[in-house]
N, C-alpha and C. Protein backbone atom coordinates (compact mmCIF):
# COMPACT_ATOMS: atom_id res chain seq x y z
N MET A 1 111.18 72.03 96.80
CA MET A 1 112.58 72.31 96.53
C MET A 1 112.68 73.45 95.53
N SER A 2 113.51 74.41 95.85
CA SER A 2 113.67 75.59 95.00
C SER A 2 114.53 75.24 93.79
N LYS A 3 114.19 75.80 92.65
CA LYS A 3 114.96 75.57 91.43
C LYS A 3 115.97 76.68 91.18
N ASP A 4 115.98 77.68 92.09
CA ASP A 4 116.94 78.77 91.95
C ASP A 4 118.32 78.28 92.34
N MET A 5 119.33 78.81 91.65
CA MET A 5 120.70 78.46 92.00
C MET A 5 121.29 79.61 92.80
N ASN A 6 121.71 79.33 94.01
CA ASN A 6 122.33 80.35 94.84
C ASN A 6 123.72 80.65 94.31
N PRO A 7 124.20 81.87 94.55
CA PRO A 7 125.55 82.22 94.10
C PRO A 7 126.60 81.43 94.89
N VAL A 8 127.76 81.26 94.28
CA VAL A 8 128.87 80.57 94.93
C VAL A 8 130.07 81.51 95.02
N SER A 9 131.03 81.11 95.82
CA SER A 9 132.25 81.90 95.99
C SER A 9 132.86 82.24 94.64
N GLY A 10 133.32 83.48 94.52
CA GLY A 10 133.93 83.94 93.28
C GLY A 10 132.98 84.70 92.37
N GLU A 11 131.68 84.55 92.57
CA GLU A 11 130.71 85.29 91.76
C GLU A 11 130.53 86.69 92.32
N ILE A 12 130.02 87.59 91.48
CA ILE A 12 129.82 88.98 91.87
C ILE A 12 128.47 89.15 92.58
N VAL A 13 128.47 89.92 93.66
CA VAL A 13 127.25 90.21 94.42
C VAL A 13 126.41 91.20 93.60
N GLU A 14 125.13 90.89 93.40
CA GLU A 14 124.24 91.75 92.62
C GLU A 14 123.39 92.66 93.48
N VAL A 15 123.12 92.27 94.76
CA VAL A 15 122.24 93.03 95.63
C VAL A 15 122.89 93.19 97.01
N ASP A 16 122.91 94.44 97.54
CA ASP A 16 123.41 94.66 98.90
C ASP A 16 122.58 93.83 99.87
N GLY A 17 123.26 93.20 100.82
CA GLY A 17 122.50 92.45 101.82
C GLY A 17 123.37 91.58 102.68
N VAL A 18 122.70 90.85 103.55
CA VAL A 18 123.37 89.89 104.41
C VAL A 18 123.19 88.52 103.77
N TYR A 19 124.28 87.80 103.63
CA TYR A 19 124.27 86.47 103.01
C TYR A 19 124.81 85.45 104.00
N LYS A 20 124.32 84.21 103.88
CA LYS A 20 124.73 83.13 104.77
C LYS A 20 125.27 81.99 103.92
N ASN A 21 126.43 81.44 104.35
CA ASN A 21 126.98 80.31 103.59
C ASN A 21 126.43 79.00 104.10
N GLU A 22 126.91 77.89 103.56
CA GLU A 22 126.38 76.56 103.88
C GLU A 22 126.53 76.19 105.36
N TRP A 23 127.51 76.75 106.04
CA TRP A 23 127.74 76.45 107.45
C TRP A 23 127.07 77.46 108.37
N GLY A 24 126.34 78.42 107.80
CA GLY A 24 125.60 79.38 108.61
C GLY A 24 126.34 80.66 108.94
N ARG A 25 127.55 80.84 108.41
CA ARG A 25 128.29 82.08 108.65
C ARG A 25 127.65 83.19 107.83
N GLU A 26 127.28 84.29 108.51
CA GLU A 26 126.65 85.42 107.83
C GLU A 26 127.67 86.51 107.58
N GLU A 27 127.50 87.18 106.45
CA GLU A 27 128.39 88.28 106.09
C GLU A 27 127.61 89.31 105.30
N GLU A 28 127.84 90.59 105.60
CA GLU A 28 127.19 91.65 104.85
C GLU A 28 128.05 91.98 103.64
N LEU A 29 127.43 91.93 102.47
CA LEU A 29 128.15 92.17 101.22
C LEU A 29 127.45 93.27 100.43
N LYS A 30 128.23 94.02 99.70
CA LYS A 30 127.72 95.12 98.88
C LYS A 30 127.74 94.72 97.41
N ARG A 31 126.88 95.35 96.64
CA ARG A 31 126.83 95.12 95.20
C ARG A 31 128.21 95.38 94.59
N GLY A 32 128.67 94.46 93.77
CA GLY A 32 129.98 94.59 93.13
C GLY A 32 131.07 93.82 93.87
N ASP A 33 130.82 93.46 95.15
CA ASP A 33 131.78 92.62 95.88
C ASP A 33 131.79 91.23 95.26
N THR A 34 132.79 90.45 95.64
CA THR A 34 132.86 89.05 95.22
C THR A 34 132.51 88.18 96.41
N PHE A 35 131.67 87.17 96.19
CA PHE A 35 131.35 86.25 97.28
C PHE A 35 132.64 85.55 97.72
N PRO A 36 132.96 85.63 99.01
CA PRO A 36 134.22 85.06 99.48
C PRO A 36 134.15 83.55 99.65
N ALA A 37 135.32 82.94 99.67
CA ALA A 37 135.42 81.51 99.99
C ALA A 37 135.45 81.37 101.51
N ASP A 38 134.94 80.26 102.01
CA ASP A 38 134.95 80.00 103.44
C ASP A 38 136.31 79.43 103.84
N VAL A 39 136.76 79.77 105.03
CA VAL A 39 138.07 79.32 105.50
C VAL A 39 138.13 77.79 105.57
N MET A 40 137.05 77.16 106.04
CA MET A 40 137.04 75.71 106.20
C MET A 40 136.54 74.98 104.95
N LEU A 41 135.49 75.51 104.32
CA LEU A 41 134.86 74.83 103.18
C LEU A 41 135.54 75.11 101.84
N GLY A 42 136.21 76.25 101.75
CA GLY A 42 136.70 76.68 100.45
C GLY A 42 135.56 77.35 99.70
N ASN A 43 135.37 77.01 98.44
CA ASN A 43 134.25 77.58 97.69
C ASN A 43 132.94 77.07 98.28
N THR A 44 132.02 77.99 98.49
CA THR A 44 130.76 77.64 99.14
C THR A 44 129.60 78.36 98.48
N GLU A 45 128.41 77.86 98.71
CA GLU A 45 127.19 78.46 98.19
C GLU A 45 126.70 79.49 99.20
N TRP A 46 126.18 80.62 98.71
CA TRP A 46 125.69 81.70 99.58
C TRP A 46 124.21 81.90 99.37
N GLU A 47 123.49 82.09 100.47
CA GLU A 47 122.05 82.32 100.44
C GLU A 47 121.77 83.72 100.96
N TRP A 48 120.91 84.46 100.26
CA TRP A 48 120.53 85.81 100.68
C TRP A 48 119.63 85.70 101.88
N VAL A 49 119.96 86.43 102.98
CA VAL A 49 119.20 86.37 104.22
C VAL A 49 118.33 87.60 104.40
N GLU A 50 118.92 88.79 104.26
CA GLU A 50 118.14 90.02 104.40
C GLU A 50 118.78 91.14 103.60
N MET A 51 117.96 92.12 103.25
CA MET A 51 118.40 93.26 102.48
C MET A 51 119.08 94.28 103.38
N SER A 52 120.08 94.96 102.87
CA SER A 52 120.73 96.03 103.62
C SER A 52 120.04 97.35 103.31
N PHE A 53 119.79 98.11 104.35
CA PHE A 53 119.20 99.42 104.19
C PHE A 53 120.18 100.45 104.70
N ASP A 54 120.43 101.46 103.89
CA ASP A 54 121.31 102.54 104.31
C ASP A 54 120.43 103.75 104.55
N ASN A 55 119.79 103.79 105.73
CA ASN A 55 118.95 104.93 106.04
C ASN A 55 119.29 105.46 107.42
N HIS A 56 118.64 106.51 107.80
CA HIS A 56 119.02 107.30 108.97
C HIS A 56 118.48 106.79 110.30
N HIS A 57 117.67 105.77 110.30
CA HIS A 57 117.07 105.35 111.57
C HIS A 57 117.41 103.90 111.90
N GLU A 58 117.04 103.50 113.07
CA GLU A 58 117.34 102.15 113.55
C GLU A 58 116.10 101.26 113.52
N GLY A 59 115.36 101.27 112.43
CA GLY A 59 114.23 100.38 112.28
C GLY A 59 112.97 100.82 113.00
N GLU A 60 112.88 102.06 113.39
CA GLU A 60 111.69 102.55 114.08
C GLU A 60 110.96 103.55 113.18
N THR A 61 109.67 103.69 113.42
CA THR A 61 108.86 104.63 112.65
C THR A 61 109.35 106.06 112.89
N ASP A 62 109.41 106.83 111.83
CA ASP A 62 109.82 108.23 111.94
C ASP A 62 108.85 108.93 112.89
N PRO A 63 109.36 109.57 113.96
CA PRO A 63 108.47 110.20 114.93
C PRO A 63 107.53 111.25 114.34
N ARG A 64 107.88 111.82 113.20
CA ARG A 64 107.01 112.81 112.57
C ARG A 64 105.74 112.17 112.02
N LEU A 65 105.75 110.84 111.81
CA LEU A 65 104.58 110.15 111.27
C LEU A 65 103.67 109.57 112.34
N VAL A 66 104.10 109.61 113.57
CA VAL A 66 103.28 109.06 114.66
C VAL A 66 102.32 110.13 115.14
N PRO A 67 101.00 109.83 115.18
CA PRO A 67 100.04 110.83 115.63
C PRO A 67 100.22 111.16 117.11
N LYS A 68 100.12 112.43 117.43
CA LYS A 68 100.24 112.90 118.81
C LYS A 68 98.84 113.14 119.37
N GLU A 69 98.73 113.20 120.67
CA GLU A 69 97.44 113.38 121.35
C GLU A 69 96.73 114.65 120.89
N LYS A 70 97.44 115.77 120.82
CA LYS A 70 96.82 117.06 120.46
C LYS A 70 97.26 117.53 119.07
N ASP A 71 97.48 116.61 118.18
CA ASP A 71 97.95 116.93 116.83
C ASP A 71 96.80 117.48 115.99
N ILE A 72 97.01 118.61 115.36
CA ILE A 72 96.00 119.23 114.52
C ILE A 72 96.06 118.67 113.10
N ASP A 73 97.26 118.38 112.63
CA ASP A 73 97.47 117.93 111.25
C ASP A 73 97.30 116.42 111.13
N LYS A 74 96.08 115.93 111.11
CA LYS A 74 95.82 114.50 110.99
C LYS A 74 95.82 114.05 109.53
N GLN A 75 95.77 114.97 108.58
CA GLN A 75 95.75 114.64 107.16
C GLN A 75 97.00 113.86 106.75
N SER A 76 98.16 114.23 107.27
CA SER A 76 99.40 113.57 106.84
C SER A 76 99.73 112.33 107.66
N LYS A 77 98.90 111.98 108.61
CA LYS A 77 99.12 110.80 109.44
C LYS A 77 98.28 109.64 108.94
N ILE A 78 98.67 108.44 109.26
CA ILE A 78 97.97 107.25 108.80
C ILE A 78 96.59 107.11 109.41
N VAL A 79 96.29 107.79 110.51
CA VAL A 79 94.98 107.68 111.16
C VAL A 79 93.88 108.41 110.39
N HIS A 80 94.25 109.27 109.47
CA HIS A 80 93.26 109.98 108.67
C HIS A 80 92.60 108.99 107.72
N PRO A 81 91.25 109.03 107.58
CA PRO A 81 90.54 108.05 106.74
C PRO A 81 91.03 107.99 105.30
N ARG A 82 91.46 109.08 104.74
CA ARG A 82 91.93 109.07 103.36
C ARG A 82 93.27 108.37 103.19
N ARG A 83 94.02 108.18 104.25
CA ARG A 83 95.33 107.53 104.19
C ARG A 83 95.23 106.02 104.44
N GLN A 84 94.07 105.51 104.83
CA GLN A 84 93.95 104.09 105.13
C GLN A 84 93.59 103.30 103.89
N VAL A 85 94.05 102.09 103.83
CA VAL A 85 93.80 101.22 102.68
C VAL A 85 92.35 100.76 102.73
N ASP A 86 91.67 100.86 101.59
CA ASP A 86 90.27 100.46 101.50
C ASP A 86 90.20 99.06 100.92
N ARG A 87 89.70 98.12 101.73
CA ARG A 87 89.56 96.74 101.25
C ARG A 87 88.15 96.25 101.55
N GLY A 88 87.67 95.33 100.75
CA GLY A 88 86.36 94.73 100.99
C GLY A 88 85.26 95.38 100.19
N SER A 89 84.07 94.82 100.32
CA SER A 89 82.93 95.33 99.54
C SER A 89 82.29 96.51 100.25
N LYS A 90 81.58 97.30 99.50
CA LYS A 90 80.93 98.49 100.01
C LYS A 90 79.44 98.26 100.27
N GLY A 91 78.95 97.08 100.12
CA GLY A 91 77.52 96.89 100.19
C GLY A 91 77.11 95.91 101.15
């Protein structure tokens, strides 16, 4: 059981994101907004579901970062050995 207290209606939103109330209704709220009351429940508890991102794409990798078949510039792509994360022992 979590010891965190979820925000309730009337409190100020601290983080942009999608929030879900006790009945499962989701709403996107921005920082500085006030958590709304539910039409049926009145004051309700809100749970953070996901973060809002204000960026230029629809959740896909930027095409400039995807290696091409005949790409010469492999240094700036993740396939280059220097760009890969090194984990594990060396011996």
